[in-house]
Amino acid sequence: MRFIFIYITNPTKTEAGRIAKHLLKKRLIACANIFPIESFYWWKGKITNENEYVLIAKTTENNFEKVKIEVEKIHSYTIPCIIKIHVSSNKKYFNWLKGEVE
């Protein structure tokens, strides 16, 4: 079993919080962090920049597909950013995380 972060960008802090709570209630993630960011990207043929909020969801790799499906169902973006990042942690934290997700 591997520990991952799932990086998800959101248009508002409210939406990021709503998605985090949804995933927590379904026991798909053990913890989430939300940070304000400024994003620059190509959209419809031009460079755009927007203020967004990144949600970092902490879970096991086994839950990635389930998280992706849930986020795609409720996210307001046409093409939500849902990226899996492999990470390592201290043993006590990883054991706690494993005990909080299904």
N, C-alpha and C. Protein backbone atom coordinates (compact mmCIF):
# COMPACT_ATOMS: atom_id res chain seq x y z
N MET A 1 0.86 -1.18 0.00
CA MET A 1 0.00 0.00 0.00
C MET A 1 0.90 1.24 0.00
N ARG A 2 0.60 2.18 -0.90
CA ARG A 2 1.41 3.39 -1.02
C ARG A 2 0.60 4.62 -0.63
N PHE A 3 1.29 5.60 -0.13
CA PHE A 3 0.74 6.88 0.30
C PHE A 3 0.81 7.86 -0.86
N ILE A 4 -0.28 8.57 -1.15
CA ILE A 4 -0.28 9.55 -2.22
C ILE A 4 -0.93 10.86 -1.77
N PHE A 5 -0.57 11.92 -2.46
CA PHE A 5 -1.30 13.19 -2.42
C PHE A 5 -2.07 13.26 -3.72
N ILE A 6 -3.27 13.79 -3.65
CA ILE A 6 -4.03 14.08 -4.87
C ILE A 6 -4.19 15.60 -4.93
N TYR A 7 -3.64 16.18 -5.97
CA TYR A 7 -3.60 17.63 -6.18
C TYR A 7 -4.80 18.01 -7.04
N ILE A 8 -5.68 18.86 -6.50
CA ILE A 8 -6.91 19.23 -7.19
C ILE A 8 -7.05 20.76 -7.13
N THR A 9 -7.13 21.41 -8.31
CA THR A 9 -7.34 22.85 -8.31
C THR A 9 -8.83 23.16 -8.34
N ASN A 10 -9.19 24.30 -7.70
CA ASN A 10 -10.60 24.69 -7.54
C ASN A 10 -10.75 26.19 -7.74
N PRO A 11 -11.91 26.63 -8.23
CA PRO A 11 -12.10 28.05 -8.47
C PRO A 11 -12.28 28.88 -7.20
N THR A 12 -12.77 28.25 -6.13
CA THR A 12 -13.02 28.98 -4.88
C THR A 12 -12.61 28.13 -3.68
N LYS A 13 -12.39 28.81 -2.57
CA LYS A 13 -12.09 28.10 -1.32
C LYS A 13 -13.31 27.29 -0.88
N THR A 14 -14.49 27.83 -1.12
CA THR A 14 -15.73 27.14 -0.75
C THR A 14 -15.85 25.81 -1.49
N GLU A 15 -15.56 25.82 -2.79
CA GLU A 15 -15.65 24.56 -3.55
C GLU A 15 -14.59 23.57 -3.08
N ALA A 16 -13.38 24.04 -2.85
CA ALA A 16 -12.32 23.15 -2.36
C ALA A 16 -12.74 22.51 -1.03
N GLY A 17 -13.32 23.29 -0.13
CA GLY A 17 -13.78 22.78 1.15
C GLY A 17 -14.92 21.78 1.00
N ARG A 18 -15.82 22.07 0.09
CA ARG A 18 -16.96 21.17 -0.16
C ARG A 18 -16.46 19.82 -0.68
N ILE A 19 -15.50 19.85 -1.60
CA ILE A 19 -14.95 18.61 -2.14
C ILE A 19 -14.19 17.85 -1.05
N ALA A 20 -13.40 18.56 -0.25
CA ALA A 20 -12.65 17.90 0.83
C ALA A 20 -13.61 17.21 1.80
N LYS A 21 -14.66 17.89 2.22
CA LYS A 21 -15.63 17.29 3.15
C LYS A 21 -16.34 16.10 2.53
N HIS A 22 -16.67 16.19 1.26
CA HIS A 22 -17.32 15.09 0.55
C HIS A 22 -16.43 13.84 0.57
N LEU A 23 -15.15 14.02 0.25
CA LEU A 23 -14.21 12.90 0.23
C LEU A 23 -13.95 12.35 1.62
N LEU A 24 -13.89 13.23 2.63
CA LEU A 24 -13.71 12.78 4.01
C LEU A 24 -14.91 11.96 4.49
N LYS A 25 -16.12 12.44 4.19
CA LYS A 25 -17.32 11.72 4.62
C LYS A 25 -17.40 10.33 3.99
N LYS A 26 -16.90 10.19 2.77
CA LYS A 26 -16.89 8.88 2.10
C LYS A 26 -15.69 8.03 2.52
N ARG A 27 -14.85 8.57 3.43
CA ARG A 27 -13.66 7.87 3.94
C ARG A 27 -12.67 7.52 2.82
N LEU A 28 -12.64 8.35 1.77
CA LEU A 28 -11.70 8.14 0.67
C LEU A 28 -10.37 8.84 0.92
N ILE A 29 -10.38 9.84 1.80
CA ILE A 29 -9.15 10.53 2.19
C ILE A 29 -9.12 10.65 3.71
N ALA A 30 -7.91 10.81 4.25
CA ALA A 30 -7.77 10.95 5.70
C ALA A 30 -7.63 12.40 6.12
N CYS A 31 -7.16 13.24 5.18
CA CYS A 31 -6.83 14.62 5.52
C CYS A 31 -6.81 15.43 4.24
N ALA A 32 -7.03 16.74 4.35
CA ALA A 32 -6.93 17.63 3.19
C ALA A 32 -6.36 18.97 3.63
N ASN A 33 -5.58 19.57 2.74
CA ASN A 33 -5.06 20.92 2.94
C ASN A 33 -5.52 21.78 1.77
N ILE A 34 -5.81 23.04 2.04
CA ILE A 34 -6.26 23.96 0.99
C ILE A 34 -5.37 25.20 1.03
N PHE A 35 -4.85 25.57 -0.14
CA PHE A 35 -3.95 26.72 -0.27
C PHE A 35 -4.41 27.64 -1.39
N PRO A 36 -4.30 28.95 -1.21
CA PRO A 36 -4.56 29.87 -2.33
C PRO A 36 -3.36 29.87 -3.27
N ILE A 37 -3.62 29.90 -4.57
CA ILE A 37 -2.57 29.92 -5.58
C ILE A 37 -2.97 30.85 -6.72
N GLU A 38 -2.01 31.23 -7.54
CA GLU A 38 -2.28 31.93 -8.79
C GLU A 38 -1.85 31.01 -9.91
N SER A 39 -2.77 30.71 -10.82
CA SER A 39 -2.49 29.76 -11.90
C SER A 39 -2.43 30.48 -13.24
N PHE A 40 -1.48 30.06 -14.07
CA PHE A 40 -1.34 30.52 -15.44
C PHE A 40 -1.46 29.30 -16.32
N TYR A 41 -2.29 29.38 -17.39
CA TYR A 41 -2.51 28.21 -18.24
C TYR A 41 -3.12 28.62 -19.58
N TRP A 42 -3.01 27.70 -20.54
CA TRP A 42 -3.67 27.89 -21.83
C TRP A 42 -5.13 27.49 -21.70
N TRP A 43 -6.04 28.33 -22.20
CA TRP A 43 -7.46 27.99 -22.24
C TRP A 43 -8.09 28.65 -23.45
N LYS A 44 -8.65 27.83 -24.32
CA LYS A 44 -9.33 28.29 -25.53
C LYS A 44 -8.44 29.22 -26.36
N GLY A 45 -7.18 28.79 -26.55
CA GLY A 45 -6.28 29.50 -27.44
C GLY A 45 -5.55 30.70 -26.88
N LYS A 46 -5.72 30.97 -25.59
CA LYS A 46 -4.99 32.11 -25.03
C LYS A 46 -4.49 31.78 -23.62
N ILE A 47 -3.47 32.53 -23.21
CA ILE A 47 -2.93 32.35 -21.87
C ILE A 47 -3.84 33.10 -20.89
N THR A 48 -4.23 32.38 -19.85
CA THR A 48 -5.12 32.92 -18.82
C THR A 48 -4.43 32.82 -17.48
N ASN A 49 -4.76 33.74 -16.59
CA ASN A 49 -4.33 33.55 -15.21
C ASN A 49 -5.51 33.85 -14.29
N GLU A 50 -5.61 33.02 -13.27
CA GLU A 50 -6.72 33.09 -12.32
C GLU A 50 -6.22 32.79 -10.91
N ASN A 51 -6.92 33.33 -9.94
CA ASN A 51 -6.70 32.90 -8.56
C ASN A 51 -7.50 31.63 -8.35
N GLU A 52 -6.87 30.64 -7.77
CA GLU A 52 -7.53 29.37 -7.50
C GLU A 52 -7.14 28.90 -6.10
N TYR A 53 -7.71 27.78 -5.72
CA TYR A 53 -7.37 27.12 -4.46
C TYR A 53 -7.01 25.69 -4.76
N VAL A 54 -5.84 25.28 -4.29
CA VAL A 54 -5.44 23.89 -4.50
C VAL A 54 -5.81 23.10 -3.25
N LEU A 55 -6.42 21.95 -3.50
CA LEU A 55 -6.78 21.00 -2.46
C LEU A 55 -5.79 19.85 -2.58
N ILE A 56 -5.06 19.58 -1.50
CA ILE A 56 -4.19 18.41 -1.46
C ILE A 56 -4.85 17.39 -0.55
N ALA A 57 -5.30 16.30 -1.17
CA ALA A 57 -5.99 15.24 -0.44
C ALA A 57 -4.99 14.12 -0.16
N LYS A 58 -4.94 13.66 1.08
CA LYS A 58 -3.99 12.63 1.49
C LYS A 58 -4.72 11.31 1.66
N THR A 59 -4.20 10.29 0.95
CA THR A 59 -4.86 8.99 0.96
C THR A 59 -3.89 7.90 0.52
N THR A 60 -4.43 6.72 0.31
CA THR A 60 -3.62 5.61 -0.22
C THR A 60 -3.86 5.50 -1.72
N GLU A 61 -2.89 4.90 -2.40
CA GLU A 61 -3.00 4.76 -3.85
C GLU A 61 -4.24 3.97 -4.25
N ASN A 62 -4.66 3.04 -3.41
CA ASN A 62 -5.86 2.23 -3.71
C ASN A 62 -7.11 3.09 -3.92
N ASN A 63 -7.13 4.28 -3.34
CA ASN A 63 -8.32 5.13 -3.43
C ASN A 63 -8.30 6.13 -4.58
N PHE A 64 -7.22 6.19 -5.34
CA PHE A 64 -7.11 7.23 -6.37
C PHE A 64 -8.26 7.20 -7.37
N GLU A 65 -8.57 6.05 -7.93
CA GLU A 65 -9.64 5.98 -8.94
C GLU A 65 -10.98 6.40 -8.36
N LYS A 66 -11.27 5.98 -7.13
CA LYS A 66 -12.54 6.35 -6.48
C LYS A 66 -12.60 7.86 -6.25
N VAL A 67 -11.49 8.45 -5.79
CA VAL A 67 -11.45 9.90 -5.57
C VAL A 67 -11.66 10.62 -6.89
N LYS A 68 -10.98 10.18 -7.92
CA LYS A 68 -11.10 10.81 -9.24
C LYS A 68 -12.55 10.80 -9.72
N ILE A 69 -13.22 9.68 -9.58
CA ILE A 69 -14.63 9.58 -10.00
C ILE A 69 -15.50 10.54 -9.20
N GLU A 70 -15.33 10.57 -7.87
CA GLU A 70 -16.13 11.46 -7.03
C GLU A 70 -15.90 12.93 -7.37
N VAL A 71 -14.64 13.31 -7.55
CA VAL A 71 -14.32 14.71 -7.86
C VAL A 71 -14.92 15.09 -9.21
N GLU A 72 -14.76 14.24 -10.20
CA GLU A 72 -15.31 14.55 -11.53
C GLU A 72 -16.83 14.71 -11.50
N LYS A 73 -17.51 14.01 -10.61
CA LYS A 73 -18.97 14.11 -10.48
C LYS A 73 -19.41 15.47 -9.95
N ILE A 74 -18.62 16.06 -9.01
CA ILE A 74 -19.11 17.25 -8.30
C ILE A 74 -18.32 18.52 -8.59
N HIS A 75 -17.21 18.43 -9.32
CA HIS A 75 -16.37 19.61 -9.58
C HIS A 75 -17.04 20.51 -10.61
N SER A 76 -16.87 21.82 -10.45
CA SER A 76 -17.50 22.77 -11.38
C SER A 76 -16.73 22.97 -12.68
N TYR A 77 -15.45 22.61 -12.72
CA TYR A 77 -14.66 22.78 -13.94
C TYR A 77 -15.05 21.74 -14.99
N THR A 78 -15.01 22.15 -16.25
CA THR A 78 -15.22 21.23 -17.37
C THR A 78 -14.13 20.17 -17.39
N ILE A 79 -12.88 20.60 -17.12
CA ILE A 79 -11.74 19.70 -17.09
C ILE A 79 -11.01 19.90 -15.77
N PRO A 80 -11.44 19.22 -14.71
CA PRO A 80 -10.76 19.42 -13.42
C PRO A 80 -9.36 18.82 -13.42
N CYS A 81 -8.45 19.47 -12.70
CA CYS A 81 -7.09 18.98 -12.52
C CYS A 81 -7.10 18.03 -11.32
N ILE A 82 -6.82 16.75 -11.57
CA ILE A 82 -6.78 15.73 -10.52
C ILE A 82 -5.50 14.94 -10.74
N ILE A 83 -4.45 15.24 -9.97
CA ILE A 83 -3.14 14.67 -10.21
C ILE A 83 -2.69 13.85 -9.00
N LYS A 84 -2.21 12.64 -9.28
CA LYS A 84 -1.69 11.75 -8.23
C LYS A 84 -0.20 12.00 -8.06
N ILE A 85 0.23 12.19 -6.81
CA ILE A 85 1.65 12.40 -6.49
C ILE A 85 2.04 11.37 -5.45
N HIS A 86 3.05 10.55 -5.77
CA HIS A 86 3.55 9.57 -4.81
C HIS A 86 4.43 10.27 -3.78
N VAL A 87 4.20 9.98 -2.52
CA VAL A 87 4.96 10.60 -1.43
C VAL A 87 5.34 9.54 -0.40
N SER A 88 6.25 9.93 0.48
CA SER A 88 6.63 9.08 1.61
C SER A 88 6.39 9.86 2.88
N SER A 89 6.19 9.15 3.96
CA SER A 89 5.98 9.83 5.25
C SER A 89 6.60 9.01 6.37
N ASN A 90 6.56 9.58 7.56
CA ASN A 90 6.98 8.81 8.73
C ASN A 90 5.96 7.71 8.99
N LYS A 91 6.41 6.65 9.62
CA LYS A 91 5.59 5.46 9.82
C LYS A 91 4.33 5.73 10.65
N LYS A 92 4.46 6.52 11.73
CA LYS A 92 3.30 6.79 12.58
C LYS A 92 2.20 7.51 11.80
N TYR A 93 2.59 8.49 10.96
CA TYR A 93 1.59 9.22 10.19
C TYR A 93 0.93 8.29 9.16
N PHE A 94 1.73 7.49 8.48
CA PHE A 94 1.17 6.58 7.48
C PHE A 94 0.21 5.58 8.13
N ASN A 95 0.56 5.06 9.29
CA ASN A 95 -0.33 4.13 9.99
C ASN A 95 -1.64 4.81 10.38
N TRP A 96 -1.56 6.07 10.81
CA TRP A 96 -2.79 6.82 11.13
C TRP A 96 -3.63 6.97 9.87
N LEU A 97 -2.99 7.38 8.78
CA LEU A 97 -3.72 7.58 7.53
C LEU A 97 -4.42 6.31 7.08
N LYS A 98 -3.72 5.18 7.10
CA LYS A 98 -4.30 3.91 6.69
C LYS A 98 -5.54 3.57 7.51
N GLY A 99 -5.50 3.93 8.80
CA GLY A 99 -6.64 3.64 9.67
C GLY A 99 -7.85 4.52 9.44
N GLU A 100 -7.67 5.63 8.72
CA GLU A 100 -8.77 6.58 8.51
C GLU A 100 -9.48 6.43 7.18
N VAL A 101 -8.89 5.70 6.25
CA VAL A 101 -9.51 5.54 4.93
C VAL A 101 -9.95 4.10 4.73
N GLU A 102 -10.89 3.92 3.83
CA GLU A 102 -11.38 2.57 3.54
C GLU A 102 -10.69 2.00 2.33
